[in-house]
Structures are given as structure tokens and as C-alpha cells.
Amino acid sequence: MQGTIFGYLSVMKKLILYPALVALAVTLFSFIGTGPRTELALNAALPMADAKMKDVSGKTVSLTESKTAKGLLVIFSCNTCPYVKLSEKRIKEYSDYCLSTGIGCVIVNSNEAQRTEADSFDEMSKYYTAQALKCAYVVDEKSSLADAFGATRTPQCFLFSAKGLVYKGAIDDNVKDASAVKAPYLKDALASVAKGETPKMQETKSIGCTIKRVE
């Protein structure tokens, strides 16, 4: 009789503990999946350098093809983020500056969750034309490139010299008011790379909208 009782209690304990353990495991894996992404380290090489991405031109391009002997600027951006809207003239200015000084430039749209809406390929093409952009503007399918870079915001910049990543972060110190900028981080970094030098300021904090991933 006593053995039967103990056996019954043992079964009940398993029935109670098993669902609890399963729930705990699901919670832990969910946390891991949505936790902070590791941002690309300074001096790192281009990740996913040969991955082909669809450009608004209809052609496919890779970061390797876009990079020049001097370097490459990668800007994670989109069509509608308020912070991108505030930065449009600066994004246009610095992307044009890259092309005029022999530095490659690619603007990347990683908003996979909005691909059937404001960040569709057609809307990207319209935005590109309206902004009179000249560099590549590509679709980052499944936010794969953003994941490889550890990019989380729009706009967010990653500037590479011939040797590796030399600047990452914000365009400047005042995203809301271009006329009040005191520290033009990206402008200074681009000028350094154009001269073959390492920027004095290499890392700043990006402020903007979160990249809309499909989780």
C-alpha cells in the first residue's frame, strides 16, 4: 500500500514538473531569440560581402562590388522613419560625397516586416527617385545583412576603410536639427577615409527607429 502511494506521488510530481520545465525552456529560448544583437566590432571586415541584394535599379549588387579601394559606407535606412526623414538631406549629401571622393556607398532597407507596405520594393524605388539619390538602395531580405552587422536602428552608419570598419553610429550629434549640429561625426569620418586616415571619433550611439524585423 505504501509503495503504491509513493508511486502515485512520483507520477504526480512528474506531471506537475514536466509542464513547468517545458514552459521554462520556451521562455529561455524566446529570450535568446529576441535578445540584444552583437554589433559589428571596429576593424572588422565586411560581413556577407558577396551576398547579392536587389537594388532599385532592378539589378543585384553586393557590398564587395560596391566597395572601392578607399572604402565603403553602409547606411541602414528606410522610407518613412521620422528620424530618417529628418536626416534625408544629410543622407543625400554624404552619399553623394562618397561617390565624388571615390568611396563606395550603399543604403540598405532591412524593414522586412513592412515589405508589403511602406518599405516595399516599389515604394523604395519611388523614394529613391524623390530623393534624387545616386548610390545603390537595396533590399535586405529577412534583415539578414542587418543581423550580420548587428544593426538595430534607422538611420545607422557603418564606414569601412580598405582595412576594415573605422566608424559606426550616428550621422551627427543632432538628428532633430541639422542647423544645430556641433559634431558632424560621419562627415569627419568620411573626410578622414578619403585621405586614407583613421577617423578620430570611431564610435557613437545611433538614435532612430528600430529596424522592423520579422521575429
N, C-alpha and C. Protein backbone atom coordinates (compact mmCIF):
# COMPACT_ATOMS: atom_id res chain seq x y z
N MET A 1 0.84 -1.20 0.00
CA MET A 1 0.00 0.00 0.00
C MET A 1 0.87 1.25 0.00
N GLN A 2 1.92 1.22 0.87
CA GLN A 2 2.82 2.37 0.95
C GLN A 2 3.55 2.60 -0.37
N GLY A 3 3.96 1.47 -1.01
CA GLY A 3 4.64 1.58 -2.30
C GLY A 3 3.73 2.18 -3.34
N THR A 4 2.47 1.83 -3.28
CA THR A 4 1.51 2.37 -4.26
C THR A 4 1.36 3.88 -4.10
N ILE A 5 1.31 4.32 -2.82
CA ILE A 5 1.17 5.75 -2.54
C ILE A 5 2.39 6.53 -3.06
N PHE A 6 3.59 5.97 -2.74
CA PHE A 6 4.81 6.63 -3.20
C PHE A 6 4.89 6.67 -4.72
N GLY A 7 4.47 5.59 -5.34
CA GLY A 7 4.46 5.55 -6.80
C GLY A 7 3.52 6.60 -7.37
N TYR A 8 2.36 6.74 -6.75
CA TYR A 8 1.36 7.72 -7.20
C TYR A 8 1.92 9.14 -7.06
N LEU A 9 2.59 9.39 -5.92
CA LEU A 9 3.16 10.72 -5.68
C LEU A 9 4.26 11.03 -6.69
N SER A 10 5.06 10.00 -7.03
CA SER A 10 6.14 10.19 -8.00
C SER A 10 5.59 10.57 -9.37
N VAL A 11 4.52 9.91 -9.78
CA VAL A 11 3.90 10.21 -11.07
C VAL A 11 3.33 11.62 -11.06
N MET A 12 2.66 11.99 -9.96
CA MET A 12 2.08 13.32 -9.85
C MET A 12 3.15 14.40 -9.93
N LYS A 13 4.30 14.14 -9.28
CA LYS A 13 5.39 15.11 -9.29
C LYS A 13 5.89 15.33 -10.71
N LYS A 14 6.01 14.27 -11.50
CA LYS A 14 6.46 14.38 -12.88
C LYS A 14 5.46 15.16 -13.72
N LEU A 15 4.17 14.89 -13.49
CA LEU A 15 3.12 15.56 -14.25
C LEU A 15 3.12 17.07 -13.98
N ILE A 16 3.46 17.42 -12.74
CA ILE A 16 3.47 18.84 -12.37
C ILE A 16 4.75 19.52 -12.86
N LEU A 17 5.91 18.83 -12.68
CA LEU A 17 7.19 19.43 -13.01
C LEU A 17 7.44 19.52 -14.52
N TYR A 18 7.00 18.52 -15.28
CA TYR A 18 7.31 18.48 -16.70
C TYR A 18 6.78 19.71 -17.46
N PRO A 19 5.48 20.04 -17.30
CA PRO A 19 4.99 21.24 -18.00
C PRO A 19 5.72 22.51 -17.57
N ALA A 20 6.09 22.55 -16.26
CA ALA A 20 6.79 23.73 -15.76
C ALA A 20 8.17 23.85 -16.41
N LEU A 21 8.85 22.72 -16.58
CA LEU A 21 10.16 22.73 -17.21
C LEU A 21 10.07 23.10 -18.69
N VAL A 22 9.04 22.60 -19.35
CA VAL A 22 8.83 22.93 -20.75
C VAL A 22 8.58 24.43 -20.91
N ALA A 23 7.75 24.98 -20.04
CA ALA A 23 7.44 26.41 -20.08
C ALA A 23 8.69 27.24 -19.86
N LEU A 24 9.55 26.79 -18.91
CA LEU A 24 10.79 27.50 -18.63
C LEU A 24 11.72 27.47 -19.84
N ALA A 25 11.80 26.33 -20.50
CA ALA A 25 12.66 26.20 -21.67
C ALA A 25 12.19 27.11 -22.80
N VAL A 26 10.88 27.15 -23.02
CA VAL A 26 10.33 28.02 -24.06
C VAL A 26 10.65 29.48 -23.76
N THR A 27 10.51 29.85 -22.49
CA THR A 27 10.80 31.23 -22.08
C THR A 27 12.25 31.58 -22.33
N LEU A 28 13.16 30.66 -21.98
CA LEU A 28 14.58 30.91 -22.15
C LEU A 28 14.95 31.04 -23.62
N PHE A 29 14.43 30.15 -24.46
CA PHE A 29 14.74 30.22 -25.89
C PHE A 29 14.13 31.45 -26.53
N SER A 30 12.97 31.87 -26.04
CA SER A 30 12.35 33.09 -26.55
C SER A 30 13.22 34.29 -26.22
N PHE A 31 13.77 34.28 -25.02
CA PHE A 31 14.63 35.38 -24.58
C PHE A 31 15.89 35.45 -25.43
N ILE A 32 16.46 34.25 -25.70
CA ILE A 32 17.67 34.19 -26.51
C ILE A 32 17.39 34.72 -27.92
N GLY A 33 16.24 34.35 -28.48
CA GLY A 33 15.90 34.75 -29.84
C GLY A 33 15.65 36.23 -29.99
N THR A 34 15.19 36.88 -28.93
CA THR A 34 14.86 38.30 -29.05
C THR A 34 15.82 39.20 -28.28
N GLY A 35 16.91 38.62 -27.81
CA GLY A 35 17.87 39.38 -27.02
C GLY A 35 18.65 40.36 -27.88
N PRO A 36 19.53 41.16 -27.24
CA PRO A 36 20.30 42.16 -27.96
C PRO A 36 21.24 41.53 -28.98
N ARG A 37 21.35 42.13 -30.14
CA ARG A 37 22.24 41.61 -31.18
C ARG A 37 23.62 42.23 -31.02
N THR A 38 24.64 41.44 -31.34
CA THR A 38 26.01 41.92 -31.20
C THR A 38 26.38 42.79 -32.39
N GLU A 39 26.74 44.03 -32.10
CA GLU A 39 27.10 44.97 -33.17
C GLU A 39 28.50 44.68 -33.67
N LEU A 40 28.70 44.87 -34.96
CA LEU A 40 29.99 44.63 -35.60
C LEU A 40 31.08 45.44 -34.91
N ALA A 41 32.21 44.79 -34.63
CA ALA A 41 33.31 45.44 -33.92
C ALA A 41 34.15 46.29 -34.86
N LEU A 42 34.76 47.33 -34.31
CA LEU A 42 35.69 48.15 -35.09
C LEU A 42 36.81 47.28 -35.65
N ASN A 43 37.27 47.61 -36.83
CA ASN A 43 38.32 46.91 -37.57
C ASN A 43 37.85 45.62 -38.23
N ALA A 44 36.57 45.27 -38.02
CA ALA A 44 36.03 44.05 -38.63
C ALA A 44 35.92 44.21 -40.14
N ALA A 45 35.99 43.08 -40.83
CA ALA A 45 35.83 43.08 -42.28
C ALA A 45 34.34 43.13 -42.62
N LEU A 46 34.03 43.40 -43.87
CA LEU A 46 32.64 43.43 -44.32
C LEU A 46 31.98 42.07 -44.13
N PRO A 47 30.86 41.99 -43.41
CA PRO A 47 30.14 40.72 -43.32
C PRO A 47 29.25 40.53 -44.54
N MET A 48 28.99 39.31 -44.91
CA MET A 48 28.12 38.99 -46.06
C MET A 48 28.54 39.80 -47.29
N ALA A 49 29.84 39.91 -47.47
CA ALA A 49 30.38 40.80 -48.50
C ALA A 49 29.94 40.45 -49.92
N ASP A 50 29.72 39.17 -50.19
CA ASP A 50 29.39 38.76 -51.55
C ASP A 50 27.91 38.42 -51.74
N ALA A 51 27.09 38.65 -50.72
CA ALA A 51 25.66 38.38 -50.82
C ALA A 51 25.02 39.35 -51.80
N LYS A 52 24.25 38.84 -52.74
CA LYS A 52 23.59 39.67 -53.75
C LYS A 52 22.28 40.22 -53.19
N MET A 53 22.07 41.54 -53.35
CA MET A 53 20.85 42.18 -52.89
C MET A 53 20.22 42.96 -54.04
N LYS A 54 18.91 42.96 -54.10
CA LYS A 54 18.22 43.65 -55.19
C LYS A 54 18.25 45.16 -54.98
N ASP A 55 18.76 45.85 -55.99
CA ASP A 55 18.85 47.31 -55.98
C ASP A 55 17.61 47.90 -56.66
N VAL A 56 17.30 49.16 -56.37
CA VAL A 56 16.14 49.79 -57.00
C VAL A 56 16.28 49.88 -58.52
N SER A 57 17.47 49.70 -59.03
CA SER A 57 17.70 49.69 -60.47
C SER A 57 17.15 48.42 -61.11
N GLY A 58 16.87 47.43 -60.27
CA GLY A 58 16.42 46.13 -60.77
C GLY A 58 17.56 45.12 -60.84
N LYS A 59 18.78 45.60 -60.75
CA LYS A 59 19.95 44.72 -60.77
C LYS A 59 20.24 44.23 -59.34
N THR A 60 21.13 43.27 -59.22
CA THR A 60 21.56 42.83 -57.90
C THR A 60 23.00 43.29 -57.68
N VAL A 61 23.28 43.70 -56.46
CA VAL A 61 24.63 44.17 -56.14
C VAL A 61 25.07 43.57 -54.81
N SER A 62 26.35 43.51 -54.60
CA SER A 62 26.91 43.04 -53.32
C SER A 62 27.75 44.16 -52.72
N LEU A 63 28.09 44.02 -51.46
CA LEU A 63 28.94 45.02 -50.81
C LEU A 63 30.33 45.04 -51.43
N THR A 64 30.81 43.86 -51.80
CA THR A 64 32.13 43.78 -52.44
C THR A 64 32.16 44.57 -53.74
N GLU A 65 31.09 44.45 -54.52
CA GLU A 65 31.01 45.17 -55.79
C GLU A 65 30.90 46.68 -55.58
N SER A 66 30.31 47.07 -54.46
CA SER A 66 30.10 48.50 -54.18
C SER A 66 31.31 49.15 -53.54
N LYS A 67 32.12 48.37 -52.86
CA LYS A 67 33.29 48.91 -52.18
C LYS A 67 34.36 49.32 -53.19
N THR A 68 35.07 50.39 -52.87
CA THR A 68 36.19 50.85 -53.71
C THR A 68 37.50 50.60 -52.97
N ALA A 69 38.59 50.99 -53.59
CA ALA A 69 39.90 50.84 -52.96
C ALA A 69 39.99 51.67 -51.69
N LYS A 70 39.21 52.76 -51.62
CA LYS A 70 39.23 53.62 -50.43
C LYS A 70 38.33 53.08 -49.31
N GLY A 71 37.18 52.54 -49.68
CA GLY A 71 36.29 52.03 -48.64
C GLY A 71 34.84 51.98 -49.06
N LEU A 72 33.96 51.87 -48.06
CA LEU A 72 32.53 51.73 -48.31
C LEU A 72 31.73 52.25 -47.12
N LEU A 73 30.70 53.04 -47.42
CA LEU A 73 29.75 53.49 -46.40
C LEU A 73 28.47 52.70 -46.56
N VAL A 74 28.02 52.07 -45.47
CA VAL A 74 26.76 51.34 -45.45
C VAL A 74 25.83 52.06 -44.49
N ILE A 75 24.68 52.51 -45.00
CA ILE A 75 23.69 53.20 -44.17
C ILE A 75 22.42 52.37 -44.11
N PHE A 76 22.04 51.93 -42.92
CA PHE A 76 20.76 51.24 -42.75
C PHE A 76 19.69 52.32 -42.63
N SER A 77 18.73 52.28 -43.56
CA SER A 77 17.73 53.33 -43.63
C SER A 77 16.40 52.74 -44.09
N CYS A 78 15.47 53.60 -44.46
CA CYS A 78 14.15 53.15 -44.92
C CYS A 78 13.43 54.32 -45.57
N ASN A 79 12.12 54.18 -45.77
CA ASN A 79 11.36 55.23 -46.46
C ASN A 79 10.64 56.20 -45.54
N THR A 80 10.22 55.74 -44.38
CA THR A 80 9.26 56.54 -43.61
C THR A 80 9.63 56.88 -42.17
N CYS A 81 10.69 56.30 -41.63
CA CYS A 81 11.07 56.59 -40.24
C CYS A 81 11.23 58.10 -40.04
N PRO A 82 10.61 58.67 -39.01
CA PRO A 82 10.72 60.12 -38.76
C PRO A 82 12.17 60.60 -38.63
N TYR A 83 13.03 59.75 -38.06
CA TYR A 83 14.44 60.13 -37.91
C TYR A 83 15.16 60.13 -39.26
N VAL A 84 14.76 59.20 -40.14
CA VAL A 84 15.30 59.20 -41.49
C VAL A 84 14.83 60.45 -42.23
N LYS A 85 13.56 60.78 -42.08
CA LYS A 85 13.00 61.97 -42.72
C LYS A 85 13.78 63.22 -42.32
N LEU A 86 14.12 63.30 -41.04
CA LEU A 86 14.88 64.45 -40.55
C LEU A 86 16.31 64.46 -41.09
N SER A 87 16.78 63.29 -41.53
CA SER A 87 18.17 63.16 -41.97
C SER A 87 18.32 63.08 -43.48
N GLU A 88 17.23 63.20 -44.21
CA GLU A 88 17.26 62.97 -45.66
C GLU A 88 18.30 63.82 -46.40
N LYS A 89 18.34 65.10 -46.11
CA LYS A 89 19.30 65.97 -46.80
C LYS A 89 20.73 65.57 -46.48
N ARG A 90 20.97 65.14 -45.24
CA ARG A 90 22.31 64.72 -44.85
C ARG A 90 22.69 63.39 -45.50
N ILE A 91 21.73 62.48 -45.57
CA ILE A 91 22.00 61.19 -46.23
C ILE A 91 22.32 61.42 -47.71
N LYS A 92 21.56 62.29 -48.34
CA LYS A 92 21.82 62.65 -49.74
C LYS A 92 23.21 63.28 -49.89
N GLU A 93 23.51 64.24 -49.02
CA GLU A 93 24.79 64.95 -49.09
C GLU A 93 25.97 64.01 -48.92
N TYR A 94 25.91 63.14 -47.91
CA TYR A 94 27.07 62.30 -47.62
C TYR A 94 27.19 61.12 -48.57
N SER A 95 26.07 60.63 -49.07
CA SER A 95 26.16 59.56 -50.06
C SER A 95 26.74 60.11 -51.37
N ASP A 96 26.35 61.32 -51.73
CA ASP A 96 26.94 61.96 -52.91
C ASP A 96 28.43 62.26 -52.69
N TYR A 97 28.77 62.68 -51.48
CA TYR A 97 30.17 62.96 -51.14
C TYR A 97 31.03 61.70 -51.33
N CYS A 98 30.49 60.57 -50.92
CA CYS A 98 31.21 59.30 -51.08
C CYS A 98 31.55 59.09 -52.55
N LEU A 99 30.55 59.21 -53.40
CA LEU A 99 30.76 58.95 -54.82
C LEU A 99 31.73 59.94 -55.45
N SER A 100 31.71 61.18 -54.98
CA SER A 100 32.59 62.19 -55.56
C SER A 100 34.03 62.06 -55.09
N THR A 101 34.25 61.37 -53.97
CA THR A 101 35.60 61.21 -53.43
C THR A 101 36.14 59.79 -53.60
N GLY A 102 35.40 58.96 -54.31
CA GLY A 102 35.89 57.61 -54.58
C GLY A 102 35.64 56.60 -53.49
N ILE A 103 34.67 56.86 -52.62
CA ILE A 103 34.28 55.91 -51.58
C ILE A 103 32.95 55.28 -52.00
N GLY A 104 32.83 53.99 -51.88
CA GLY A 104 31.58 53.34 -52.23
C GLY A 104 30.49 53.65 -51.21
N CYS A 105 29.23 53.50 -51.62
CA CYS A 105 28.12 53.77 -50.70
C CYS A 105 26.91 52.90 -51.06
N VAL A 106 26.31 52.30 -50.04
CA VAL A 106 25.10 51.51 -50.21
C VAL A 106 24.13 51.88 -49.09
N ILE A 107 22.89 52.18 -49.46
CA ILE A 107 21.83 52.39 -48.48
C ILE A 107 21.01 51.11 -48.42
N VAL A 108 20.77 50.60 -47.22
CA VAL A 108 20.15 49.29 -47.04
C VAL A 108 18.80 49.43 -46.33
N ASN A 109 17.77 48.82 -46.90
CA ASN A 109 16.45 48.80 -46.28
C ASN A 109 16.21 47.40 -45.72
N SER A 110 16.24 47.29 -44.39
CA SER A 110 16.10 46.00 -43.72
C SER A 110 14.74 45.79 -43.07
N ASN A 111 13.78 46.69 -43.34
CA ASN A 111 12.46 46.61 -42.70
C ASN A 111 11.59 45.51 -43.31
N GLU A 112 11.98 44.27 -43.07
CA GLU A 112 11.29 43.11 -43.65
C GLU A 112 9.82 43.05 -43.26
N ALA A 113 9.50 43.48 -42.05
CA ALA A 113 8.11 43.42 -41.57
C ALA A 113 7.20 44.41 -42.27
N GLN A 114 7.78 45.34 -43.02
CA GLN A 114 6.98 46.34 -43.74
C GLN A 114 7.16 46.21 -45.25
N ARG A 115 7.59 45.01 -45.69
CA ARG A 115 7.91 44.83 -47.10
C ARG A 115 6.68 44.87 -48.01
N THR A 116 5.50 44.63 -47.45
CA THR A 116 4.28 44.71 -48.25
C THR A 116 3.59 46.07 -48.06
N GLU A 117 4.27 46.95 -47.31
CA GLU A 117 3.67 48.26 -47.01
C GLU A 117 4.61 49.38 -47.45
N ALA A 118 4.98 50.23 -46.50
CA ALA A 118 5.76 51.43 -46.81
C ALA A 118 7.18 51.14 -47.30
N ASP A 119 7.69 49.95 -47.01
CA ASP A 119 9.04 49.62 -47.43
C ASP A 119 9.08 48.52 -48.49
N SER A 120 8.06 48.51 -49.33
CA SER A 120 8.04 47.58 -50.46
C SER A 120 9.07 48.04 -51.50
N PHE A 121 9.40 47.16 -52.42
CA PHE A 121 10.38 47.50 -53.45
C PHE A 121 9.89 48.68 -54.30
N ASP A 122 8.61 48.68 -54.63
CA ASP A 122 8.06 49.78 -55.43
C ASP A 122 8.15 51.11 -54.68
N GLU A 123 7.85 51.08 -53.37
CA GLU A 123 7.93 52.30 -52.57
C GLU A 123 9.38 52.76 -52.42
N MET A 124 10.29 51.81 -52.33
CA MET A 124 11.72 52.16 -52.28
C MET A 124 12.15 52.86 -53.56
N SER A 125 11.68 52.37 -54.69
CA SER A 125 12.03 52.96 -55.98
C SER A 125 11.51 54.39 -56.07
N LYS A 126 10.28 54.60 -55.61
CA LYS A 126 9.69 55.95 -55.62
C LYS A 126 10.47 56.89 -54.71
N TYR A 127 10.83 56.37 -53.53
CA TYR A 127 11.58 57.18 -52.55
C TYR A 127 12.95 57.56 -53.12
N TYR A 128 13.62 56.61 -53.74
CA TYR A 128 14.94 56.83 -54.33
C TYR A 128 14.89 57.96 -55.35
N THR A 129 13.88 57.92 -56.20
CA THR A 129 13.72 58.94 -57.24
C THR A 129 13.40 60.30 -56.62
N ALA A 130 12.50 60.31 -55.64
CA ALA A 130 12.11 61.57 -54.99
C ALA A 130 13.29 62.23 -54.28
N GLN A 131 14.19 61.41 -53.74
CA GLN A 131 15.34 61.95 -53.02
C GLN A 131 16.53 62.24 -53.93
N ALA A 132 16.41 61.87 -55.19
CA ALA A 132 17.49 62.08 -56.17
C ALA A 132 18.79 61.42 -55.70
N LEU A 133 18.67 60.23 -55.13
CA LEU A 133 19.85 59.51 -54.67
C LEU A 133 20.61 58.93 -55.85
N LYS A 134 21.90 58.70 -55.66
CA LYS A 134 22.74 58.18 -56.74
C LYS A 134 23.40 56.85 -56.41
N CYS A 135 23.56 56.56 -55.14
CA CYS A 135 24.19 55.30 -54.75
C CYS A 135 23.15 54.17 -54.78
N ALA A 136 23.58 52.95 -54.54
CA ALA A 136 22.66 51.82 -54.51
C ALA A 136 21.72 51.92 -53.30
N TYR A 137 20.48 51.48 -53.50
CA TYR A 137 19.49 51.40 -52.42
C TYR A 137 18.91 50.00 -52.51
N VAL A 138 19.26 49.13 -51.57
CA VAL A 138 18.99 47.71 -51.73
C VAL A 138 18.02 47.14 -50.69
N VAL A 139 17.40 46.02 -51.08
CA VAL A 139 16.50 45.28 -50.20
C VAL A 139 17.31 44.25 -49.43
N ASP A 140 17.22 44.31 -48.12
CA ASP A 140 17.88 43.33 -47.25
C ASP A 140 16.85 42.28 -46.86
N GLU A 141 16.77 41.20 -47.63
CA GLU A 141 15.77 40.16 -47.40
C GLU A 141 15.98 39.48 -46.05
N LYS A 142 14.87 39.38 -45.31
CA LYS A 142 14.85 38.75 -43.98
C LYS A 142 15.77 39.46 -43.00
N SER A 143 16.14 40.70 -43.30
CA SER A 143 17.02 41.51 -42.44
C SER A 143 18.36 40.81 -42.19
N SER A 144 18.78 39.98 -43.14
CA SER A 144 20.00 39.18 -42.95
C SER A 144 21.25 40.03 -42.79
N LEU A 145 21.37 41.08 -43.61
CA LEU A 145 22.56 41.93 -43.51
C LEU A 145 22.54 42.72 -42.20
N ALA A 146 21.37 43.21 -41.81
CA ALA A 146 21.26 43.93 -40.54
C ALA A 146 21.67 43.02 -39.38
N ASP A 147 21.27 41.77 -39.45
CA ASP A 147 21.65 40.82 -38.41
C ASP A 147 23.16 40.62 -38.39
N ALA A 148 23.76 40.51 -39.56
CA ALA A 148 25.21 40.30 -39.66
C ALA A 148 25.99 41.49 -39.11
N PHE A 149 25.44 42.70 -39.31
CA PHE A 149 26.08 43.92 -38.81
C PHE A 149 25.73 44.19 -37.34
N GLY A 150 24.64 43.59 -36.87
CA GLY A 150 24.14 43.92 -35.55
C GLY A 150 23.46 45.27 -35.56
N ALA A 151 22.98 45.68 -36.73
CA ALA A 151 22.30 46.97 -36.87
C ALA A 151 20.91 46.89 -36.25
N THR A 152 20.49 47.94 -35.56
CA THR A 152 19.20 47.95 -34.89
C THR A 152 18.35 49.18 -35.20
N ARG A 153 18.95 50.19 -35.81
CA ARG A 153 18.26 51.49 -35.98
C ARG A 153 18.29 52.00 -37.41
N THR A 154 17.40 52.93 -37.69
CA THR A 154 17.47 53.71 -38.92
C THR A 154 17.35 55.18 -38.56
N PRO A 155 18.30 56.01 -39.01
CA PRO A 155 19.50 55.64 -39.76
C PRO A 155 20.64 55.18 -38.84
N GLN A 156 21.45 54.27 -39.34
CA GLN A 156 22.63 53.79 -38.62
C GLN A 156 23.74 53.57 -39.64
N CYS A 157 24.92 54.09 -39.35
CA CYS A 157 26.01 54.11 -40.32
C CYS A 157 27.17 53.19 -39.94
N PHE A 158 27.76 52.57 -40.96
CA PHE A 158 28.96 51.75 -40.81
C PHE A 158 29.91 52.13 -41.94
N LEU A 159 31.04 52.69 -41.59
CA LEU A 159 32.02 53.14 -42.60
C LEU A 159 33.27 52.27 -42.54
N PHE A 160 33.62 51.73 -43.70
CA PHE A 160 34.80 50.86 -43.82
C PHE A 160 35.88 51.56 -44.64
N SER A 161 37.11 51.42 -44.18
CA SER A 161 38.25 51.83 -45.00
C SER A 161 38.71 50.56 -45.73
N ALA A 162 39.82 50.63 -46.40
CA ALA A 162 40.34 49.45 -47.09
C ALA A 162 40.72 48.35 -46.10
N LYS A 163 40.95 48.74 -44.84
CA LYS A 163 41.41 47.76 -43.84
C LYS A 163 40.29 47.17 -42.99
N GLY A 164 39.15 47.84 -42.88
CA GLY A 164 38.07 47.34 -42.04
C GLY A 164 37.19 48.46 -41.52
N LEU A 165 36.32 48.13 -40.57
CA LEU A 165 35.37 49.10 -40.03
C LEU A 165 36.08 50.16 -39.19
N VAL A 166 35.90 51.43 -39.57
CA VAL A 166 36.60 52.52 -38.87
C VAL A 166 35.64 53.50 -38.21
N TYR A 167 34.35 53.44 -38.55
CA TYR A 167 33.37 54.29 -37.87
C TYR A 167 32.02 53.59 -37.89
N LYS A 168 31.30 53.70 -36.76
CA LYS A 168 29.93 53.16 -36.70
C LYS A 168 29.11 54.04 -35.76
N GLY A 169 27.85 54.27 -36.15
CA GLY A 169 26.98 55.03 -35.28
C GLY A 169 26.13 56.05 -35.99
N ALA A 170 25.99 57.22 -35.38
CA ALA A 170 25.09 58.26 -35.86
C ALA A 170 25.72 59.12 -36.95
N ILE A 171 24.87 59.85 -37.66
CA ILE A 171 25.35 60.78 -38.68
C ILE A 171 26.02 61.98 -38.02
N ASP A 172 25.40 62.49 -36.96
CA ASP A 172 25.98 63.61 -36.21
C ASP A 172 25.34 63.67 -34.82
N ASP A 173 25.56 64.75 -34.10
CA ASP A 173 25.10 64.84 -32.71
C ASP A 173 23.73 65.48 -32.56
N ASN A 174 23.03 65.77 -33.67
CA ASN A 174 21.71 66.38 -33.55
C ASN A 174 20.82 65.95 -34.71
N VAL A 175 20.23 64.76 -34.57
CA VAL A 175 19.39 64.23 -35.64
C VAL A 175 18.16 65.10 -35.89
N LYS A 176 17.68 65.81 -34.86
CA LYS A 176 16.45 66.58 -34.98
C LYS A 176 16.62 67.94 -35.65
N ASP A 177 17.85 68.47 -35.62
CA ASP A 177 18.07 69.82 -36.15
C ASP A 177 19.45 69.94 -36.78
N ALA A 178 19.49 69.84 -38.10
CA ALA A 178 20.77 69.88 -38.81
C ALA A 178 21.51 71.20 -38.60
N SER A 179 20.76 72.29 -38.41
CA SER A 179 21.39 73.60 -38.23
C SER A 179 22.07 73.74 -36.87
N ALA A 180 21.75 72.83 -35.95
CA ALA A 180 22.33 72.90 -34.60
C ALA A 180 23.43 71.87 -34.37
N VAL A 181 23.86 71.20 -35.42
CA VAL A 181 24.91 70.18 -35.30
C VAL A 181 26.23 70.80 -34.88
N LYS A 182 26.85 70.23 -33.86
CA LYS A 182 28.16 70.69 -33.41
C LYS A 182 29.26 69.67 -33.72
N ALA A 183 28.86 68.40 -33.85
CA ALA A 183 29.83 67.35 -34.13
C ALA A 183 29.35 66.50 -35.31
N PRO A 184 29.80 66.80 -36.53
CA PRO A 184 29.40 66.04 -37.72
C PRO A 184 30.21 64.73 -37.85
N TYR A 185 29.86 63.76 -37.02
CA TYR A 185 30.65 62.52 -36.92
C TYR A 185 30.95 61.89 -38.28
N LEU A 186 29.89 61.64 -39.04
CA LEU A 186 30.06 60.93 -40.30
C LEU A 186 30.85 61.76 -41.31
N LYS A 187 30.56 63.02 -41.38
CA LYS A 187 31.27 63.92 -42.30
C LYS A 187 32.76 63.89 -42.03
N ASP A 188 33.12 63.99 -40.75
CA ASP A 188 34.53 63.98 -40.37
C ASP A 188 35.18 62.62 -40.68
N ALA A 189 34.43 61.55 -40.41
CA ALA A 189 34.96 60.20 -40.66
C ALA A 189 35.18 59.98 -42.15
N LEU A 190 34.25 60.44 -42.97
CA LEU A 190 34.39 60.31 -44.42
C LEU A 190 35.59 61.09 -44.94
N ALA A 191 35.79 62.29 -44.40
CA ALA A 191 36.94 63.11 -44.82
C ALA A 191 38.25 62.40 -44.49
N SER A 192 38.29 61.74 -43.33
CA SER A 192 39.49 61.00 -42.94
C SER A 192 39.74 59.82 -43.88
N VAL A 193 38.70 59.05 -44.15
CA VAL A 193 38.85 57.89 -45.04
C VAL A 193 39.24 58.32 -46.44
N ALA A 194 38.68 59.43 -46.91
CA ALA A 194 39.02 59.94 -48.24
C ALA A 194 40.51 60.26 -48.35
N LYS A 195 41.12 60.63 -47.20
CA LYS A 195 42.56 60.96 -47.17
C LYS A 195 43.41 59.75 -46.75
N GLY A 196 42.75 58.61 -46.54
CA GLY A 196 43.49 57.42 -46.15
C GLY A 196 43.86 57.40 -44.68
N GLU A 197 43.14 58.17 -43.87
CA GLU A 197 43.42 58.25 -42.44
C GLU A 197 42.33 57.57 -41.62
N THR A 198 42.63 57.31 -40.36
CA THR A 198 41.64 56.74 -39.45
C THR A 198 40.90 57.86 -38.73
N PRO A 199 39.57 57.82 -38.69
CA PRO A 199 38.82 58.88 -38.01
C PRO A 199 39.18 58.98 -36.54
N LYS A 200 39.18 60.20 -36.00
CA LYS A 200 39.46 60.38 -34.58
C LYS A 200 38.31 59.84 -33.73
N MET A 201 37.09 60.12 -34.15
CA MET A 201 35.89 59.58 -33.48
C MET A 201 35.43 58.37 -34.28
N GLN A 202 35.44 57.20 -33.63
CA GLN A 202 35.13 55.98 -34.36
C GLN A 202 33.82 55.31 -33.96
N GLU A 203 33.24 55.72 -32.87
CA GLU A 203 32.01 55.06 -32.43
C GLU A 203 31.10 56.03 -31.70
N THR A 204 29.84 56.09 -32.11
CA THR A 204 28.83 56.93 -31.45
C THR A 204 27.54 56.13 -31.36
N LYS A 205 26.58 56.66 -30.64
CA LYS A 205 25.30 55.98 -30.45
C LYS A 205 24.28 56.44 -31.48
N SER A 206 23.69 55.49 -32.19
CA SER A 206 22.66 55.82 -33.17
C SER A 206 21.33 56.07 -32.48
N ILE A 207 20.62 57.08 -32.95
CA ILE A 207 19.28 57.37 -32.45
C ILE A 207 18.33 57.31 -33.63
N GLY A 208 17.29 56.50 -33.52
CA GLY A 208 16.37 56.38 -34.64
C GLY A 208 15.30 55.34 -34.38
N CYS A 209 14.60 54.98 -35.45
CA CYS A 209 13.55 53.95 -35.36
C CYS A 209 14.19 52.57 -35.32
N THR A 210 13.55 51.64 -34.69
CA THR A 210 14.06 50.26 -34.70
C THR A 210 13.82 49.65 -36.08
N ILE A 211 14.74 48.81 -36.50
CA ILE A 211 14.58 48.07 -37.76
C ILE A 211 13.43 47.09 -37.57
N LYS A 212 12.51 47.09 -38.52
CA LYS A 212 11.29 46.26 -38.41
C LYS A 212 11.55 44.86 -38.93
N ARG A 213 12.04 44.01 -38.06
CA ARG A 213 12.32 42.61 -38.42
C ARG A 213 11.06 41.75 -38.29
N VAL A 214 11.06 40.62 -38.98
CA VAL A 214 10.02 39.62 -38.78
C VAL A 214 10.56 38.65 -37.74
N GLU A 215 10.03 38.71 -36.54
CA GLU A 215 10.55 37.88 -35.43
C GLU A 215 9.86 36.51 -35.39
